[in-house]
Amino acid sequence: MFIFITVVQAIVAALLVTVILMQKSEGGGLGVGGSPTGLMSARGAADFLTRSTAILATVFVVLSIVLAVLAVRTTSGRSIDTSLQRTQVPASAPAVPAEAPAAAPAAPVDPLGGATKQ
């Protein structure tokens, strides 16, 4: 059901974009040309496209709300997976095993290859 409504919403969104682009705007848009009388006259087309835009926008919003409700219902019964939850180590226990003390540092080396005097 969720996938079906998602597909319907995608189709409605594509139709909404198409209807909006067909409307005549200040820059000309993709306006529909036609005869001066009848449904597709300048005024008739504007009324038809305005009504279509309002209807498609309303359907889009309603479908969005329905999809949100369906999404909440399908995920509300699930629990959080805690299998990767870390346990805390007590502060008194060493986090890393003790290492052997480091050896004494070697005498500095002269960049020309010889040992420096100390």
C-alpha atoms as a PDB file:
ATOM      1  CA  MET A   1       0.000   0.000   0.000  1.00  0.00           C
ATOM      2  CA  PHE A   2       2.823   2.370   0.915  1.00  0.00           C
ATOM      3  CA  ILE A   3       4.617   1.806  -2.391  1.00  0.00           C
ATOM      4  CA  PHE A   4       1.392   2.248  -4.385  1.00  0.00           C
ATOM      5  CA  ILE A   5       0.662   5.604  -2.726  1.00  0.00           C
ATOM      6  CA  THR A   6       4.287   6.661  -3.255  1.00  0.00           C
ATOM      7  CA  VAL A   7       3.975   5.923  -6.988  1.00  0.00           C
ATOM      8  CA  VAL A   8       0.664   7.833  -7.160  1.00  0.00           C
ATOM      9  CA  GLN A   9       2.293  10.782  -5.394  1.00  0.00           C
ATOM     10  CA  ALA A  10       5.192  10.767  -7.862  1.00  0.00           C
ATOM     11  CA  ILE A  11       2.715  10.862 -10.759  1.00  0.00           C
ATOM     12  CA  VAL A  12       0.765  13.707  -9.116  1.00  0.00           C
ATOM     13  CA  ALA A  13       4.038  15.600  -8.554  1.00  0.00           C
ATOM     14  CA  ALA A  14       5.006  15.215 -12.220  1.00  0.00           C
ATOM     15  CA  LEU A  15       1.568  16.426 -13.320  1.00  0.00           C
ATOM     16  CA  LEU A  16       1.776  19.365 -10.913  1.00  0.00           C
ATOM     17  CA  VAL A  17       5.141  20.412 -12.320  1.00  0.00           C
ATOM     18  CA  THR A  18       3.792  20.119 -15.868  1.00  0.00           C
ATOM     19  CA  VAL A  19       0.685  22.202 -15.119  1.00  0.00           C
ATOM     20  CA  ILE A  20       2.734  24.869 -13.366  1.00  0.00           C
ATOM     21  CA  LEU A  21       5.163  25.115 -16.284  1.00  0.00           C
ATOM     22  CA  MET A  22       2.310  25.423 -18.772  1.00  0.00           C
ATOM     23  CA  GLN A  23       0.944  28.545 -17.075  1.00  0.00           C
ATOM     24  CA  LYS A  24       1.828  31.835 -18.651  1.00  0.00           C
ATOM     25  CA  SER A  25       4.091  33.900 -16.452  1.00  0.00           C
ATOM     26  CA  GLU A  26       5.804  37.259 -16.711  1.00  0.00           C
ATOM     27  CA  GLY A  27       8.555  35.756 -18.867  1.00  0.00           C
ATOM     28  CA  GLY A  28       6.225  33.865 -21.176  1.00  0.00           C
ATOM     29  CA  GLY A  29       6.653  30.382 -19.650  1.00  0.00           C
ATOM     30  CA  LEU A  30       5.491  27.402 -21.684  1.00  0.00           C
ATOM     31  CA  GLY A  31       2.057  28.930 -22.218  1.00  0.00           C
ATOM     32  CA  VAL A  32      -0.484  27.096 -24.334  1.00  0.00           C
ATOM     33  CA  GLY A  33      -1.523  28.862 -27.495  1.00  0.00           C
ATOM     34  CA  GLY A  34      -5.011  28.458 -28.893  1.00  0.00           C
ATOM     35  CA  SER A  35      -8.091  30.073 -30.357  1.00  0.00           C
ATOM     36  CA  PRO A  36      -9.424  33.239 -28.711  1.00  0.00           C
ATOM     37  CA  THR A  37     -12.708  31.566 -27.703  1.00  0.00           C
ATOM     38  CA  GLY A  38     -13.644  28.398 -25.867  1.00  0.00           C
ATOM     39  CA  LEU A  39     -11.890  26.394 -23.162  1.00  0.00           C
ATOM     40  CA  MET A  40      -8.401  26.979 -24.457  1.00  0.00           C
ATOM     41  CA  SER A  41      -8.699  30.712 -24.950  1.00  0.00           C
ATOM     42  CA  ALA A  42      -6.281  32.842 -22.969  1.00  0.00           C
ATOM     43  CA  ARG A  43      -8.765  33.278 -20.145  1.00  0.00           C
ATOM     44  CA  GLY A  44     -10.209  29.748 -20.369  1.00  0.00           C
ATOM     45  CA  ALA A  45      -6.753  28.150 -20.282  1.00  0.00           C
ATOM     46  CA  ALA A  46      -5.761  30.282 -17.320  1.00  0.00           C
ATOM     47  CA  ASP A  47      -8.880  29.241 -15.385  1.00  0.00           C
ATOM     48  CA  PHE A  48      -8.386  25.568 -16.285  1.00  0.00           C
ATOM     49  CA  LEU A  49      -4.689  25.580 -15.358  1.00  0.00           C
ATOM     50  CA  THR A  50      -5.345  27.472 -12.126  1.00  0.00           C
ATOM     51  CA  ARG A  51      -8.019  24.977 -11.079  1.00  0.00           C
ATOM     52  CA  SER A  52      -5.806  22.055 -12.084  1.00  0.00           C
ATOM     53  CA  THR A  53      -2.929  23.458 -10.062  1.00  0.00           C
ATOM     54  CA  ALA A  54      -5.110  23.901  -6.983  1.00  0.00           C
ATOM     55  CA  ILE A  55      -6.562  20.388  -7.258  1.00  0.00           C
ATOM     56  CA  LEU A  56      -3.191  18.718  -7.866  1.00  0.00           C
ATOM     57  CA  ALA A  57      -1.577  20.662  -5.024  1.00  0.00           C
ATOM     58  CA  THR A  58      -4.364  19.599  -2.655  1.00  0.00           C
ATOM     59  CA  VAL A  59      -4.038  15.945  -3.728  1.00  0.00           C
ATOM     60  CA  PHE A  60      -0.247  16.165  -3.281  1.00  0.00           C
ATOM     61  CA  VAL A  61      -0.561  17.507   0.283  1.00  0.00           C
ATOM     62  CA  VAL A  62      -3.196  14.910   1.225  1.00  0.00           C
ATOM     63  CA  LEU A  63      -1.023  12.102  -0.147  1.00  0.00           C
ATOM     64  CA  SER A  64       1.953  13.463   1.798  1.00  0.00           C
ATOM     65  CA  ILE A  65      -0.040  13.356   5.034  1.00  0.00           C
ATOM     66  CA  VAL A  66      -1.287   9.824   4.286  1.00  0.00           C
ATOM     67  CA  LEU A  67       2.264   8.649   3.577  1.00  0.00           C
ATOM     68  CA  ALA A  68       3.497  10.196   6.828  1.00  0.00           C
ATOM     69  CA  VAL A  69       0.754   8.437   8.809  1.00  0.00           C
ATOM     70  CA  LEU A  70       1.533   5.106   7.136  1.00  0.00           C
ATOM     71  CA  ALA A  71       5.252   5.517   7.822  1.00  0.00           C
ATOM     72  CA  VAL A  72       4.633   6.175  11.516  1.00  0.00           C
ATOM     73  CA  ARG A  73       2.316   3.185  11.844  1.00  0.00           C
ATOM     74  CA  THR A  74       4.791   0.770  10.267  1.00  0.00           C
ATOM     75  CA  THR A  75       7.723   1.862  12.446  1.00  0.00           C
ATOM     76  CA  SER A  76       5.982   2.466  15.793  1.00  0.00           C
ATOM     77  CA  GLY A  77       6.159  -1.156  17.010  1.00  0.00           C
ATOM     78  CA  ARG A  78       9.877  -1.634  16.513  1.00  0.00           C
ATOM     79  CA  SER A  79      12.449  -1.597  19.283  1.00  0.00           C
ATOM     80  CA  ILE A  80      15.930  -0.161  19.167  1.00  0.00           C
ATOM     81  CA  ASP A  81      18.715  -2.658  18.476  1.00  0.00           C
ATOM     82  CA  THR A  82      21.205  -2.508  21.347  1.00  0.00           C
ATOM     83  CA  SER A  83      23.451  -5.362  20.202  1.00  0.00           C
ATOM     84  CA  LEU A  84      26.309  -2.951  19.456  1.00  0.00           C
ATOM     85  CA  GLN A  85      26.021  -1.058  22.736  1.00  0.00           C
ATOM     86  CA  ARG A  86      29.389  -0.680  24.462  1.00  0.00           C
ATOM     87  CA  THR A  87      29.954  -1.542  28.106  1.00  0.00           C
ATOM     88  CA  GLN A  88      31.891   0.856  30.267  1.00  0.00           C
ATOM     89  CA  VAL A  89      35.230  -0.214  31.738  1.00  0.00           C
ATOM     90  CA  PRO A  90      35.706   0.705  35.425  1.00  0.00           C
ATOM     91  CA  ALA A  91      38.170   3.547  35.982  1.00  0.00           C
ATOM     92  CA  SER A  92      40.396   1.468  38.310  1.00  0.00           C
ATOM     93  CA  ALA A  93      41.101  -1.212  35.701  1.00  0.00           C
ATOM     94  CA  PRO A  94      43.857  -0.419  33.197  1.00  0.00           C
ATOM     95  CA  ALA A  95      42.506   0.028  29.699  1.00  0.00           C
ATOM     96  CA  VAL A  96      45.775  -1.084  28.026  1.00  0.00           C
ATOM     97  CA  PRO A  97      48.112  -3.786  29.373  1.00  0.00           C
ATOM     98  CA  ALA A  98      51.332  -2.448  30.865  1.00  0.00           C
ATOM     99  CA  GLU A  99      54.234  -2.316  28.417  1.00  0.00           C
ATOM    100  CA  ALA A 100      57.917  -2.847  29.075  1.00  0.00           C
ATOM    101  CA  PRO A 101      59.782   0.400  29.750  1.00  0.00           C
ATOM    102  CA  ALA A 102      61.331   1.958  26.691  1.00  0.00           C
ATOM    103  CA  ALA A 103      65.065   1.588  26.132  1.00  0.00           C
ATOM    104  CA  ALA A 104      67.342   4.523  26.867  1.00  0.00           C
ATOM    105  CA  PRO A 105      67.492   6.966  23.951  1.00  0.00           C
ATOM    106  CA  ALA A 106      70.456   6.562  21.644  1.00  0.00           C
ATOM    107  CA  ALA A 107      73.153   9.204  21.382  1.00  0.00           C
ATOM    108  CA  PRO A 108      72.324  11.981  18.892  1.00  0.00           C
ATOM    109  CA  VAL A 109      73.752  11.456  15.443  1.00  0.00           C
ATOM    110  CA  ASP A 110      75.687  14.096  13.532  1.00  0.00           C
ATOM    111  CA  PRO A 111      74.071  14.855  10.144  1.00  0.00           C
ATOM    112  CA  LEU A 112      77.474  14.292   8.511  1.00  0.00           C
ATOM    113  CA  GLY A 113      77.499  10.713   9.705  1.00  0.00           C
ATOM    114  CA  GLY A 114      79.446  10.736  12.956  1.00  0.00           C
ATOM    115  CA  ALA A 115      78.287  10.542  16.564  1.00  0.00           C
ATOM    116  CA  THR A 116      78.229  13.848  18.452  1.00  0.00           C
ATOM    117  CA  LYS A 117      80.276  14.371  21.613  1.00  0.00           C
ATOM    118  CA  GLN A 118      78.446  14.825  24.883  1.00  0.00           C
END
